[in-house]
Amino acid sequence: MTTTPDGRRIPPPHADERAMLESWLDFQRATLALKCTGLDGSRLREASVPPSPMTLLGLVQHMAEVERNWFQRVFAGRKVPAVYAESKEASGFALSSERGIDEALAVWRAEIARGRELTGAASLTDCGELSGQEAAIVGDRSVSLRWILIHMIEEYARHNGHADLIRERIDGVTGV
């Protein structure tokens, strides 16, 4: 498999649907990790631009929450608490002085691993159940694993755009 100059695996140009979706999701995950590489704790806590408090560390924490929600709660139907004990509105973005990037990345990677375990043997047409609030937005009580994987790619791509801008503001680093 081909890699980018920074080492991320490029999704195959020809593959079955499952391999294509999973490889694009992995590419987006690797992109978020890359945006945090080489920065110390204080730089990872720098907010984007006022009035937004968004930070790279907060994005990693948020994506751990997102991974848990879609794969454990929605797809597997597990009743698991939030990854970080904070309000639903914060969704992982709130920073703690005790939590640094190593811990946040470890938690995030553990959530990714759990998601892979829960979906590994599933079909793309297998479904998970949404909460009432999520169902009102989506328009149905259930979503397929295919839908979840596509949504996760979209979620990472959107937040990687935020991460690009935050990183460029911090030290001028830009890139794919």
Protein backbone atom coordinates (compact mmCIF):
# COMPACT_ATOMS: atom_id res chain seq x y z
CA MET A 1 0.00 0.00 0.00
CA THR A 2 1.23 3.49 -0.83
CA THR A 3 1.84 6.07 1.86
CA THR A 4 1.94 9.85 1.95
CA PRO A 5 5.34 11.47 2.65
CA ASP A 6 4.29 11.78 6.32
CA GLY A 7 3.58 8.03 6.56
CA ARG A 8 -0.22 7.86 6.36
CA ARG A 9 -1.53 4.94 4.34
CA ILE A 10 -3.35 6.08 1.21
CA PRO A 11 -6.65 4.25 0.70
CA PRO A 12 -6.56 1.80 -2.20
CA PRO A 13 -7.92 3.15 -5.49
CA HIS A 14 -9.68 -0.17 -6.08
CA ALA A 15 -11.17 -2.26 -3.28
CA ASP A 16 -14.48 -3.62 -2.09
CA GLU A 17 -16.81 -1.21 -0.34
CA ARG A 18 -15.94 -2.29 3.21
CA ALA A 19 -12.19 -2.01 2.64
CA MET A 20 -12.65 1.36 0.97
CA LEU A 21 -14.77 2.79 3.80
CA GLU A 22 -12.51 1.48 6.55
CA SER A 23 -9.32 2.64 4.85
CA TRP A 24 -10.71 6.16 4.32
CA LEU A 25 -11.78 6.28 7.96
CA ASP A 26 -8.31 5.16 9.04
CA PHE A 27 -6.74 7.82 6.80
CA GLN A 28 -8.87 10.51 8.44
CA ARG A 29 -7.97 9.19 11.90
CA ALA A 30 -4.26 9.27 11.01
CA THR A 31 -4.66 12.84 9.77
CA LEU A 32 -5.99 14.00 13.15
CA ALA A 33 -3.07 12.35 14.95
CA LEU A 34 -0.64 13.94 12.49
CA LYS A 35 -2.01 17.42 13.22
CA CYS A 36 -1.01 16.96 16.88
CA THR A 37 2.50 15.63 16.17
CA GLY A 38 5.46 17.67 17.34
CA LEU A 39 3.57 20.09 19.58
CA ASP A 40 4.02 20.41 23.33
CA GLY A 41 1.13 20.43 25.78
CA SER A 42 0.69 24.18 25.85
CA ARG A 43 0.51 24.43 22.05
CA LEU A 44 -2.04 21.61 21.89
CA ARG A 45 -4.20 23.66 24.28
CA GLU A 46 -4.07 26.84 22.19
CA ALA A 47 -7.52 27.88 21.05
CA SER A 48 -8.19 28.48 17.39
CA VAL A 49 -9.54 32.02 17.21
CA PRO A 50 -11.89 33.96 19.47
CA PRO A 51 -14.62 33.32 20.33
CA SER A 52 -14.02 29.60 19.67
CA PRO A 53 -12.31 27.64 22.45
CA MET A 54 -11.53 24.74 20.04
CA THR A 55 -8.08 23.17 20.49
CA LEU A 56 -6.21 20.22 18.98
CA LEU A 57 -6.30 18.41 22.34
CA GLY A 58 -10.03 19.07 22.55
CA LEU A 59 -10.54 17.67 19.05
CA VAL A 60 -8.81 14.40 20.01
CA GLN A 61 -10.97 14.13 23.13
CA HIS A 62 -14.11 14.96 21.14
CA MET A 63 -13.35 12.26 18.58
CA ALA A 64 -12.94 9.71 21.40
CA GLU A 65 -16.50 10.65 22.44
CA VAL A 66 -17.71 10.39 18.85
CA GLU A 67 -16.09 6.96 18.38
CA ARG A 68 -17.71 5.72 21.61
CA ASN A 69 -21.12 7.09 20.69
CA TRP A 70 -21.40 5.66 17.19
CA PHE A 71 -19.76 2.28 17.70
CA GLN A 72 -20.54 1.38 21.30
CA ARG A 73 -23.81 3.17 21.99
CA VAL A 74 -25.52 3.29 18.60
CA PHE A 75 -24.15 0.24 16.77
CA ALA A 76 -23.60 -2.16 19.69
CA GLY A 77 -26.41 -0.82 21.89
CA ARG A 78 -24.17 -0.53 24.95
CA LYS A 79 -25.10 1.74 27.83
CA VAL A 80 -21.70 3.32 28.41
CA PRO A 81 -20.99 6.65 30.09
CA ALA A 82 -19.25 9.55 28.43
CA VAL A 83 -15.51 9.11 28.02
CA TYR A 84 -14.90 12.38 29.85
CA ALA A 85 -17.07 13.35 32.82
CA GLU A 86 -18.46 16.62 31.57
CA SER A 87 -21.64 18.08 30.18
CA LYS A 88 -23.24 16.67 27.03
CA GLU A 89 -22.79 20.09 25.41
CA ALA A 90 -18.99 19.98 25.84
CA SER A 91 -18.73 16.59 24.04
CA GLY A 92 -15.07 16.09 24.96
CA PHE A 93 -13.86 19.57 24.08
CA ALA A 94 -13.36 20.71 27.70
CA LEU A 95 -9.73 20.56 28.82
CA SER A 96 -8.42 19.35 32.16
CA SER A 97 -5.06 20.49 33.51
CA GLU A 98 -4.34 16.87 34.52
CA ARG A 99 -4.96 15.39 31.07
CA GLY A 100 -2.35 15.71 28.35
CA ILE A 101 -2.05 14.52 24.79
CA ASP A 102 -0.53 11.12 25.62
CA GLU A 103 -3.52 10.19 27.76
CA ALA A 104 -6.02 11.66 25.29
CA LEU A 105 -4.45 9.78 22.36
CA ALA A 106 -4.42 6.52 24.35
CA VAL A 107 -8.12 6.90 25.22
CA TRP A 108 -8.96 7.83 21.62
CA ARG A 109 -7.03 4.83 20.25
CA ALA A 110 -8.73 2.51 22.75
CA GLU A 111 -12.13 3.75 21.52
CA ILE A 112 -11.06 3.10 17.91
CA ALA A 113 -9.97 -0.43 18.87
CA ARG A 114 -13.30 -1.11 20.63
CA GLY A 115 -15.18 0.10 17.57
CA ARG A 116 -13.19 -2.23 15.33
CA GLU A 117 -13.90 -5.16 17.65
CA LEU A 118 -17.62 -4.41 17.69
CA THR A 119 -17.95 -4.04 13.91
CA GLY A 120 -15.33 -6.49 12.63
CA ALA A 121 -17.73 -9.36 11.97
CA ALA A 122 -20.73 -7.18 11.12
CA SER A 123 -22.22 -6.60 7.70
CA LEU A 124 -22.47 -3.08 6.28
CA THR A 125 -26.25 -3.57 6.36
CA ASP A 126 -26.36 -4.44 10.08
CA CYS A 127 -28.04 -1.65 12.03
CA GLY A 128 -27.72 0.17 15.29
CA GLU A 129 -30.42 2.02 17.21
CA LEU A 130 -30.40 5.79 17.60
CA SER A 131 -31.51 7.75 20.64
CA GLY A 132 -34.76 9.65 20.28
CA GLN A 133 -32.87 12.91 19.80
CA GLU A 134 -30.60 11.42 17.11
CA ALA A 135 -33.57 9.73 15.39
CA ALA A 136 -35.36 13.07 15.17
CA ILE A 137 -32.39 14.50 13.28
CA VAL A 138 -31.74 11.49 11.04
CA GLY A 139 -35.41 10.69 10.37
CA ASP A 140 -35.28 7.04 11.41
CA ARG A 141 -34.70 4.98 14.57
CA SER A 142 -31.87 2.95 13.06
CA VAL A 143 -28.83 3.40 10.86
CA SER A 144 -26.71 0.85 9.05
CA LEU A 145 -23.03 0.28 9.71
CA ARG A 146 -22.46 1.66 6.20
CA TRP A 147 -24.18 4.90 7.26
CA ILE A 148 -22.12 5.06 10.47
CA LEU A 149 -18.81 4.56 8.62
CA ILE A 150 -19.67 7.25 6.07
CA HIS A 151 -20.77 9.59 8.86
CA MET A 152 -17.50 8.95 10.74
CA ILE A 153 -15.46 9.80 7.62
CA GLU A 154 -17.46 13.02 7.31
CA GLU A 155 -17.06 13.84 11.00
CA TYR A 156 -13.29 13.38 10.88
CA ALA A 157 -12.95 15.29 7.61
CA ARG A 158 -14.86 18.25 9.06
CA HIS A 159 -12.81 18.30 12.25
CA ASN A 160 -9.56 17.75 10.34
CA GLY A 161 -10.37 20.99 8.53
CA HIS A 162 -10.59 22.66 11.93
CA ALA A 163 -7.33 20.97 12.94
CA ASP A 164 -5.63 22.27 9.77
CA LEU A 165 -6.54 25.84 10.65
CA ILE A 166 -5.62 25.49 14.32
CA ARG A 167 -2.24 23.95 13.46
CA GLU A 168 -1.49 26.62 10.87
CA ARG A 169 -2.30 29.32 13.43
CA ILE A 170 -0.04 27.69 16.04
CA ASP A 171 3.15 27.21 14.01
CA GLY A 172 2.42 27.72 10.32
CA VAL A 173 2.44 24.02 9.47
CA THR A 174 0.07 23.19 6.64
CA GLY A 175 -0.48 20.11 4.56
CA VAL A 176 -2.75 17.31 3.65
